[in-house]
Amino acid sequence: MKIALRIRGASLVVILLVTARPAVHADMIPMRDYIRLDRGMSEAEVLYRVGPYDHQSISSDHYHNIIRKTWYYIPERRNSDSWITEIEFDHGGIIQSLRRYRARP
């Protein structure tokens, strides 16, 4: 996101340029990267180590406070030996559980 400010006379013109992220498929997490993930890591550490997720689910309470967040890394269909990875975070963005299971063709 870029913000440009221009002053015209007495008024201030704000131009907001939003660059849309292209839809990128994250693919599965290789085993060498998966074994480096551990409970207690933050969301930022996960993004740094394995990149962005494919899908996210959020559980919230009645007041829309996040209780639990789960990131899913889903393999591309062309890969026959593929694994789905689920990383569950608590309300503070800390890993609470990791789960990896084989994707069905």
Protein backbone atom coordinates (compact mmCIF):
# COMPACT_ATOMS: atom_id res chain seq x y z
CA MET A 1 0.00 0.00 0.00
CA LYS A 2 1.36 3.42 -0.94
CA ILE A 3 0.11 6.77 0.25
CA ALA A 4 0.88 9.95 -1.68
CA LEU A 5 0.14 13.38 -0.30
CA ARG A 6 -0.27 16.47 -2.45
CA ILE A 7 -1.14 19.92 -1.26
CA ARG A 8 -3.29 21.96 -3.61
CA GLY A 9 -3.99 25.44 -2.42
CA ALA A 10 -5.50 25.22 1.05
CA SER A 11 -6.77 21.67 0.62
CA LEU A 12 -4.91 18.43 1.10
CA VAL A 13 -5.43 15.68 -1.44
CA VAL A 14 -4.67 12.15 -0.32
CA ILE A 15 -4.16 9.50 -2.96
CA LEU A 16 -4.27 5.94 -1.74
CA LEU A 17 -2.87 3.29 -4.05
CA VAL A 18 -3.65 -0.25 -3.06
CA THR A 19 -1.79 -2.95 -4.88
CA ALA A 20 -3.78 -6.15 -5.03
CA ARG A 21 -1.87 -9.30 -4.14
CA PRO A 22 -1.96 -11.82 -6.94
CA ALA A 23 -3.53 -15.12 -6.02
CA VAL A 24 -0.52 -17.28 -5.21
CA HIS A 25 -0.87 -20.89 -4.26
CA ALA A 26 1.37 -21.57 -1.26
CA ASP A 27 1.69 -25.30 -1.99
CA MET A 28 2.64 -27.84 0.66
CA ILE A 29 5.36 -27.31 3.23
CA PRO A 30 8.41 -29.50 2.57
CA MET A 31 9.32 -31.84 5.45
CA ARG A 32 12.67 -30.07 5.98
CA ASP A 33 10.74 -26.86 6.75
CA TYR A 34 7.92 -28.53 8.68
CA ILE A 35 10.29 -30.05 11.24
CA ARG A 36 11.61 -26.55 12.01
CA LEU A 37 8.18 -25.40 13.17
CA ASP A 38 7.38 -25.80 16.85
CA ARG A 39 4.78 -24.89 19.46
CA GLY A 40 5.38 -21.43 20.89
CA MET A 41 6.46 -19.82 17.61
CA SER A 42 4.71 -16.65 16.45
CA GLU A 43 2.80 -16.07 13.21
CA ALA A 44 5.67 -13.89 11.97
CA GLU A 45 8.17 -16.71 12.47
CA VAL A 46 5.95 -19.10 10.53
CA LEU A 47 5.56 -16.63 7.66
CA TYR A 48 9.32 -16.13 7.59
CA ARG A 49 10.10 -19.86 7.56
CA VAL A 50 7.41 -21.28 5.26
CA GLY A 51 5.70 -18.29 3.62
CA PRO A 52 2.03 -17.34 3.27
CA TYR A 53 -0.78 -19.82 3.82
CA ASP A 54 -3.44 -21.00 1.34
CA HIS A 55 -6.45 -20.78 3.61
CA GLN A 56 -7.25 -19.46 7.07
CA SER A 57 -10.11 -20.23 9.44
CA ILE A 58 -10.89 -18.07 12.45
CA SER A 59 -12.91 -18.97 15.54
CA SER A 60 -14.21 -16.00 17.48
CA ASP A 61 -16.42 -15.34 20.46
CA HIS A 62 -19.68 -13.40 20.66
CA TYR A 63 -17.77 -10.09 20.66
CA HIS A 64 -15.70 -10.99 17.55
CA ASN A 65 -12.51 -11.51 19.55
CA ILE A 66 -10.27 -14.10 17.92
CA ILE A 67 -10.07 -17.25 20.02
CA ARG A 68 -8.27 -19.52 17.58
CA LYS A 69 -6.83 -19.15 14.08
CA THR A 70 -5.80 -22.03 11.81
CA TRP A 71 -3.63 -21.72 8.72
CA TYR A 72 -3.76 -24.39 6.01
CA TYR A 73 -0.99 -25.15 3.53
CA ILE A 74 -2.57 -27.16 0.71
CA PRO A 75 -0.56 -28.97 -2.00
CA GLU A 76 -1.13 -28.53 -5.71
CA ARG A 77 -3.14 -31.31 -7.34
CA ARG A 78 -0.33 -32.40 -9.67
CA ASN A 79 1.82 -33.55 -6.76
CA SER A 80 1.06 -37.22 -5.99
CA ASP A 81 3.10 -37.42 -2.75
CA SER A 82 1.52 -34.46 -0.99
CA TRP A 83 0.72 -33.39 2.56
CA ILE A 84 -1.70 -30.86 4.02
CA THR A 85 -0.38 -28.89 6.97
CA GLU A 86 -2.58 -27.24 9.62
CA ILE A 87 -1.05 -24.74 12.03
CA GLU A 88 -3.28 -23.63 14.90
CA PHE A 89 -2.62 -20.35 16.73
CA ASP A 90 -4.11 -18.98 19.94
CA HIS A 91 -5.58 -15.48 20.32
CA GLY A 92 -2.05 -14.05 20.71
CA GLY A 93 -0.76 -15.53 17.44
CA ILE A 94 1.34 -18.28 19.06
CA ILE A 95 1.39 -21.84 17.67
CA GLN A 96 -0.64 -24.21 19.84
CA SER A 97 -0.65 -27.26 17.57
CA LEU A 98 0.76 -28.56 14.31
CA ARG A 99 -0.88 -31.25 12.23
CA ARG A 100 0.22 -32.83 8.96
CA TYR A 101 -1.68 -35.44 7.00
CA ARG A 102 -1.63 -36.93 3.53
CA ALA A 103 -3.86 -35.29 0.95
CA ARG A 104 -6.29 -37.55 -0.85
CA PRO A 105 -5.99 -37.53 -4.66
